[in-house]
Protein backbone atom coordinates (compact mmCIF):
# COMPACT_ATOMS: atom_id res chain seq x y z
CA MET A 1 -28.30 7.81 -48.67
CA ASN A 2 -28.13 4.24 -46.78
CA ASN A 3 -29.11 4.77 -43.24
CA LYS A 4 -25.64 2.50 -41.95
CA ILE A 5 -23.63 4.74 -43.96
CA ILE A 6 -25.57 7.97 -42.51
CA ILE A 7 -24.82 6.45 -38.62
CA ALA A 8 -21.16 5.46 -39.29
CA ILE A 9 -20.37 9.34 -40.55
CA VAL A 10 -22.53 10.46 -37.34
CA ALA A 11 -20.57 8.29 -35.10
CA GLY A 12 -17.09 9.59 -36.60
CA VAL A 13 -17.93 12.94 -36.24
CA VAL A 14 -19.22 12.57 -32.80
CA VAL A 15 -15.66 10.78 -31.61
CA VAL A 16 -13.52 13.04 -33.62
CA GLY A 17 -15.00 16.09 -31.72
CA GLY A 18 -15.23 14.57 -28.80
CA ALA A 19 -11.24 13.89 -29.40
CA ILE A 20 -10.63 17.55 -30.22
CA PHE A 21 -12.62 18.61 -27.34
CA ALA A 22 -10.68 16.58 -24.73
CA VAL A 23 -7.41 18.10 -25.76
CA SER A 24 -8.98 21.59 -25.94
CA GLN A 25 -9.69 21.63 -22.38
CA ARG A 26 -5.68 21.51 -21.56
CA PRO A 27 -4.18 24.26 -21.27
CA SER A 28 -1.71 25.34 -23.91
CA GLY A 29 1.69 23.66 -22.51
CA THR A 30 1.06 21.60 -20.35
CA PRO A 31 1.93 18.30 -20.62
CA ALA A 32 -0.47 15.16 -19.90
CA ALA A 33 -0.56 13.87 -16.85
CA THR A 34 2.00 11.08 -15.94
CA PRO A 35 1.40 8.66 -13.14
CA SER A 36 3.86 9.18 -10.57
CA PRO A 37 6.13 6.44 -8.63
CA ALA A 38 4.36 4.69 -6.06
CA PRO A 39 6.66 5.84 -2.53
CA ASN A 40 7.29 1.81 -1.65
CA THR A 41 8.26 1.22 -5.19
CA GLN A 42 10.30 -2.27 -5.94
CA ASN A 43 12.14 -0.18 -8.42
CA ALA A 44 14.14 2.51 -6.13
CA GLN A 45 17.60 1.82 -5.12
CA ALA A 46 18.10 0.36 -1.33
CA ALA A 47 20.51 1.19 0.50
CA ALA A 48 19.72 -2.22 2.47
CA THR A 49 17.77 -5.30 1.45
CA ILE A 50 16.77 -7.35 4.80
CA THR A 51 15.45 -10.20 4.19
CA TYR A 52 12.81 -13.01 5.76
CA SER A 53 13.49 -16.47 5.61
CA ALA A 54 12.54 -19.53 8.04
CA ASN A 55 15.14 -18.74 9.89
CA GLY A 56 14.02 -14.71 10.61
CA PHE A 57 15.57 -11.63 9.43
CA SER A 58 18.75 -11.38 7.43
CA PRO A 59 21.43 -9.40 8.64
CA ALA A 60 19.92 -9.11 12.35
CA THR A 61 21.71 -6.07 12.21
CA THR A 62 21.68 -3.13 9.71
CA THR A 63 22.85 0.27 9.59
CA ILE A 64 21.31 3.06 7.26
CA LYS A 65 22.00 7.08 6.50
CA SER A 66 18.43 8.95 7.16
CA GLY A 67 16.53 9.39 3.94
CA GLN A 68 18.25 5.99 2.72
CA SER A 69 16.06 3.20 1.63
CA VAL A 70 15.54 -0.56 2.46
CA THR A 71 13.96 -3.22 0.72
CA PHE A 72 12.12 -6.04 2.67
CA LYS A 73 12.52 -9.32 1.35
CA ASN A 74 10.18 -12.33 2.03
CA THR A 75 12.07 -15.21 0.73
CA SER A 76 10.02 -17.73 3.21
CA SER A 77 6.77 -19.85 2.83
CA SER A 78 4.60 -17.63 4.47
CA GLU A 79 3.32 -14.18 5.21
CA VAL A 80 5.78 -11.86 7.23
CA GLN A 81 4.50 -8.49 9.48
CA VAL A 82 7.31 -5.98 9.70
CA ASP A 83 6.44 -3.44 12.49
CA SER A 84 8.84 -1.57 14.75
CA ASP A 85 8.84 -2.55 18.38
CA PRO A 86 7.26 -2.68 21.31
CA HIS A 87 5.21 -5.45 20.11
CA PRO A 88 2.52 -5.27 19.89
CA ILE A 89 1.60 -1.28 19.49
CA HIS A 90 4.73 -0.63 17.16
CA THR A 91 5.16 2.75 17.95
CA ASP A 92 9.23 3.20 18.11
CA ASN A 93 9.36 4.37 14.21
CA GLU A 94 5.96 4.37 12.46
CA ASP A 95 8.03 4.12 9.08
CA LEU A 96 9.13 0.57 10.32
CA ASN A 97 5.67 -0.49 10.23
CA VAL A 98 5.79 -2.34 6.60
CA GLY A 99 2.81 -4.60 7.11
CA THR A 100 2.22 -7.67 5.55
CA ILE A 101 4.56 -9.15 2.59
CA ALA A 102 3.43 -12.40 0.80
CA PRO A 103 6.04 -14.80 -0.03
CA GLY A 104 8.09 -14.00 -2.98
CA GLN A 105 7.68 -10.26 -2.41
CA SER A 106 9.06 -7.17 -1.28
CA LYS A 107 8.65 -3.65 0.06
CA THR A 108 10.91 -0.43 0.18
CA VAL A 109 10.35 2.37 2.45
CA VAL A 110 12.57 5.36 3.32
CA LEU A 111 13.49 5.49 6.83
CA THR A 112 13.94 9.34 7.92
CA LYS A 113 13.70 9.09 12.25
CA LYS A 114 17.22 8.32 13.36
CA GLY A 115 17.96 6.26 16.02
CA ALA A 116 18.46 2.82 16.75
CA PHE A 117 15.18 0.74 16.53
CA GLY A 118 14.23 -3.05 16.97
CA LEU A 119 11.91 -4.43 14.73
CA HIS A 120 9.65 -7.64 14.32
CA ASN A 121 7.58 -10.52 12.58
CA HIS A 122 4.39 -9.13 14.12
CA LEU A 123 2.56 -13.08 13.19
CA ASN A 124 5.78 -14.04 15.04
CA PRO A 125 7.65 -11.62 17.44
CA GLY A 126 10.29 -13.35 18.33
CA ASN A 127 11.92 -13.17 15.03
CA THR A 128 13.52 -9.49 15.38
CA ALA A 129 16.08 -7.53 13.63
CA HIS A 130 17.56 -4.15 14.76
CA ILE A 131 18.55 -0.90 12.46
CA THR A 132 20.26 2.02 12.82
CA ILE A 133 19.22 5.42 11.52
CA GLN A 134 22.32 7.83 10.82
């Protein structure tokens, strides 16, 4: 037999054997793992959307229920860094420390800590908003 044919047959057997081995390592009846969505997914249905533009945050005041999500959307031409008050230590509600959002991007977070909180753009602390979580 030709050496190329023998090599091709051996390679095929190795590939098939490897596939059989991989499948046999999963306990029967166990489905293959599927990736979980990221916690801050943009696909989540948000209870509220807070938009950041060249004019700052809009709306300036938002109210949601604990456990609901808020989407922060950046429509400005520069980055925004959403953080809770007080500036610069951001300790009032760590869930509001969303971080940097690039122009045209958004981030969605679930907020659970009840109360009234201020937030601001850390890169321009004069741009502020307030959120009440009931």
